[in-house]
Amino acid sequence: MNIIPGGASVGIPGSITVREIGVIEKLKERGNTVFHHGDPSLSPEDKRKMLKN
C-alpha cells in the first residue's frame, strides 16, 4: 500500500490472494480507482471492456 499513490488507478488481475487479504477494499477506501477484472459480478462483456482500458 505504501508504494501505490492515493488517488491512483490500479488494475487488479484475478488474484484470490489480493481479494483475501483485503487489498481491493483498502484501495477503494482511500480513494483509488480499482479495475478488478476478476470480479465475479462482471459480465463477460464488462470484463472485455475493462481489459481494453
N, C-alpha and C. Protein backbone atom coordinates (compact mmCIF):
# COMPACT_ATOMS: atom_id res chain seq x y z
N MET A 1 0.82 -1.19 0.00
CA MET A 1 0.00 0.00 0.00
C MET A 1 0.87 1.26 0.00
N ASN A 2 2.05 1.18 0.55
CA ASN A 2 2.92 2.36 0.62
C ASN A 2 3.45 2.79 -0.73
N ILE A 3 3.53 1.89 -1.69
CA ILE A 3 4.11 2.26 -2.98
C ILE A 3 3.05 2.70 -4.00
N ILE A 4 1.76 2.56 -3.67
CA ILE A 4 0.69 2.99 -4.56
C ILE A 4 0.18 4.34 -4.09
N PRO A 5 0.32 5.36 -4.93
CA PRO A 5 -0.14 6.69 -4.52
C PRO A 5 -1.65 6.75 -4.31
N GLY A 6 -2.08 7.52 -3.33
CA GLY A 6 -3.51 7.74 -3.15
C GLY A 6 -4.09 8.39 -4.38
N GLY A 7 -5.26 7.96 -4.80
CA GLY A 7 -5.91 8.52 -5.98
C GLY A 7 -5.48 7.88 -7.29
N ALA A 8 -4.48 7.01 -7.26
CA ALA A 8 -4.01 6.36 -8.49
C ALA A 8 -5.00 5.30 -8.94
N SER A 9 -5.05 5.04 -10.24
CA SER A 9 -5.84 3.93 -10.77
C SER A 9 -5.01 2.67 -10.67
N VAL A 10 -5.65 1.58 -10.26
CA VAL A 10 -4.93 0.33 -10.03
C VAL A 10 -5.66 -0.80 -10.73
N GLY A 11 -4.95 -1.59 -11.52
CA GLY A 11 -5.51 -2.77 -12.16
C GLY A 11 -5.19 -4.00 -11.34
N ILE A 12 -6.22 -4.78 -11.04
CA ILE A 12 -6.05 -5.99 -10.25
C ILE A 12 -6.45 -7.18 -11.11
N PRO A 13 -5.55 -8.15 -11.29
CA PRO A 13 -5.94 -9.35 -12.03
C PRO A 13 -6.83 -10.24 -11.17
N GLY A 14 -7.09 -11.42 -11.59
CA GLY A 14 -7.98 -12.31 -10.86
C GLY A 14 -7.33 -12.99 -9.67
N SER A 15 -6.52 -12.29 -8.93
CA SER A 15 -5.78 -12.86 -7.81
C SER A 15 -6.67 -13.11 -6.60
N ILE A 16 -6.74 -14.35 -6.18
CA ILE A 16 -7.51 -14.70 -4.99
C ILE A 16 -6.83 -14.13 -3.75
N THR A 17 -5.53 -14.18 -3.70
CA THR A 17 -4.78 -13.67 -2.54
C THR A 17 -5.06 -12.20 -2.33
N VAL A 18 -5.04 -11.41 -3.38
CA VAL A 18 -5.30 -9.97 -3.25
C VAL A 18 -6.68 -9.74 -2.66
N ARG A 19 -7.67 -10.52 -3.11
CA ARG A 19 -9.02 -10.38 -2.55
C ARG A 19 -9.05 -10.80 -1.09
N GLU A 20 -8.42 -11.92 -0.76
CA GLU A 20 -8.48 -12.46 0.60
C GLU A 20 -7.83 -11.55 1.64
N ILE A 21 -6.77 -10.86 1.27
CA ILE A 21 -6.10 -10.01 2.26
C ILE A 21 -6.68 -8.60 2.32
N GLY A 22 -7.70 -8.33 1.50
CA GLY A 22 -8.42 -7.06 1.60
C GLY A 22 -7.81 -5.87 0.89
N VAL A 23 -6.91 -6.12 -0.04
CA VAL A 23 -6.25 -5.01 -0.73
C VAL A 23 -7.25 -4.18 -1.54
N ILE A 24 -8.17 -4.84 -2.21
CA ILE A 24 -9.13 -4.11 -3.06
C ILE A 24 -9.95 -3.13 -2.22
N GLU A 25 -10.46 -3.58 -1.11
CA GLU A 25 -11.26 -2.73 -0.25
C GLU A 25 -10.44 -1.57 0.31
N LYS A 26 -9.21 -1.85 0.71
CA LYS A 26 -8.36 -0.79 1.27
C LYS A 26 -8.04 0.27 0.22
N LEU A 27 -7.80 -0.16 -1.01
CA LEU A 27 -7.54 0.80 -2.08
C LEU A 27 -8.77 1.67 -2.34
N LYS A 28 -9.93 1.06 -2.40
CA LYS A 28 -11.17 1.81 -2.63
C LYS A 28 -11.45 2.78 -1.48
N GLU A 29 -11.22 2.34 -0.25
CA GLU A 29 -11.46 3.18 0.93
C GLU A 29 -10.62 4.45 0.90
N ARG A 30 -9.42 4.36 0.39
CA ARG A 30 -8.57 5.56 0.38
C ARG A 30 -8.68 6.35 -0.91
N GLY A 31 -9.60 5.95 -1.80
CA GLY A 31 -9.89 6.77 -2.98
C GLY A 31 -9.24 6.33 -4.27
N ASN A 32 -8.61 5.18 -4.30
CA ASN A 32 -8.04 4.69 -5.55
C ASN A 32 -9.16 4.16 -6.45
N THR A 33 -8.99 4.34 -7.76
CA THR A 33 -9.88 3.71 -8.72
C THR A 33 -9.33 2.32 -8.97
N VAL A 34 -10.18 1.30 -8.77
CA VAL A 34 -9.73 -0.08 -8.89
C VAL A 34 -10.43 -0.76 -10.05
N PHE A 35 -9.63 -1.30 -10.97
CA PHE A 35 -10.14 -2.09 -12.08
C PHE A 35 -9.83 -3.54 -11.76
N HIS A 36 -10.86 -4.28 -11.39
CA HIS A 36 -10.66 -5.65 -10.96
C HIS A 36 -11.40 -6.58 -11.92
N HIS A 37 -10.70 -7.04 -12.95
CA HIS A 37 -11.38 -7.85 -13.96
C HIS A 37 -11.67 -9.27 -13.50
N GLY A 38 -11.25 -9.63 -12.31
CA GLY A 38 -11.59 -10.92 -11.73
C GLY A 38 -12.87 -10.88 -10.89
N ASP A 39 -13.53 -9.71 -10.86
CA ASP A 39 -14.75 -9.54 -10.08
C ASP A 39 -15.84 -10.46 -10.63
N PRO A 40 -16.34 -11.40 -9.82
CA PRO A 40 -17.34 -12.35 -10.31
C PRO A 40 -18.68 -11.72 -10.69
N SER A 41 -18.93 -10.48 -10.28
CA SER A 41 -20.19 -9.83 -10.62
C SER A 41 -20.17 -9.21 -12.02
N LEU A 42 -19.01 -9.17 -12.67
CA LEU A 42 -18.90 -8.58 -14.01
C LEU A 42 -19.35 -9.57 -15.08
N SER A 43 -20.04 -9.05 -16.06
CA SER A 43 -20.42 -9.87 -17.21
C SER A 43 -19.19 -10.05 -18.10
N PRO A 44 -19.20 -11.04 -18.98
CA PRO A 44 -18.07 -11.21 -19.91
C PRO A 44 -17.81 -9.95 -20.73
N GLU A 45 -18.86 -9.25 -21.16
CA GLU A 45 -18.69 -8.02 -21.93
C GLU A 45 -18.03 -6.93 -21.09
N ASP A 46 -18.45 -6.79 -19.84
CA ASP A 46 -17.85 -5.79 -18.96
C ASP A 46 -16.36 -6.09 -18.73
N LYS A 47 -16.02 -7.36 -18.59
CA LYS A 47 -14.62 -7.74 -18.42
C LYS A 47 -13.80 -7.36 -19.64
N ARG A 48 -14.34 -7.62 -20.83
CA ARG A 48 -13.62 -7.24 -22.07
C ARG A 48 -13.40 -5.74 -22.14
N LYS A 49 -14.44 -4.96 -21.81
CA LYS A 49 -14.33 -3.50 -21.84
C LYS A 49 -13.25 -3.03 -20.86
N MET A 50 -13.24 -3.61 -19.66
CA MET A 50 -12.28 -3.21 -18.65
C MET A 50 -10.85 -3.51 -19.09
N LEU A 51 -10.64 -4.67 -19.70
CA LEU A 51 -9.30 -5.04 -20.13
C LEU A 51 -8.79 -4.16 -21.25
N LYS A 52 -9.68 -3.55 -22.01
CA LYS A 52 -9.27 -2.66 -23.09
C LYS A 52 -8.80 -1.31 -22.57
N ASN A 53 -9.23 -0.95 -21.36
CA ASN A 53 -8.88 0.37 -20.80
C ASN A 53 -7.55 0.37 -20.18
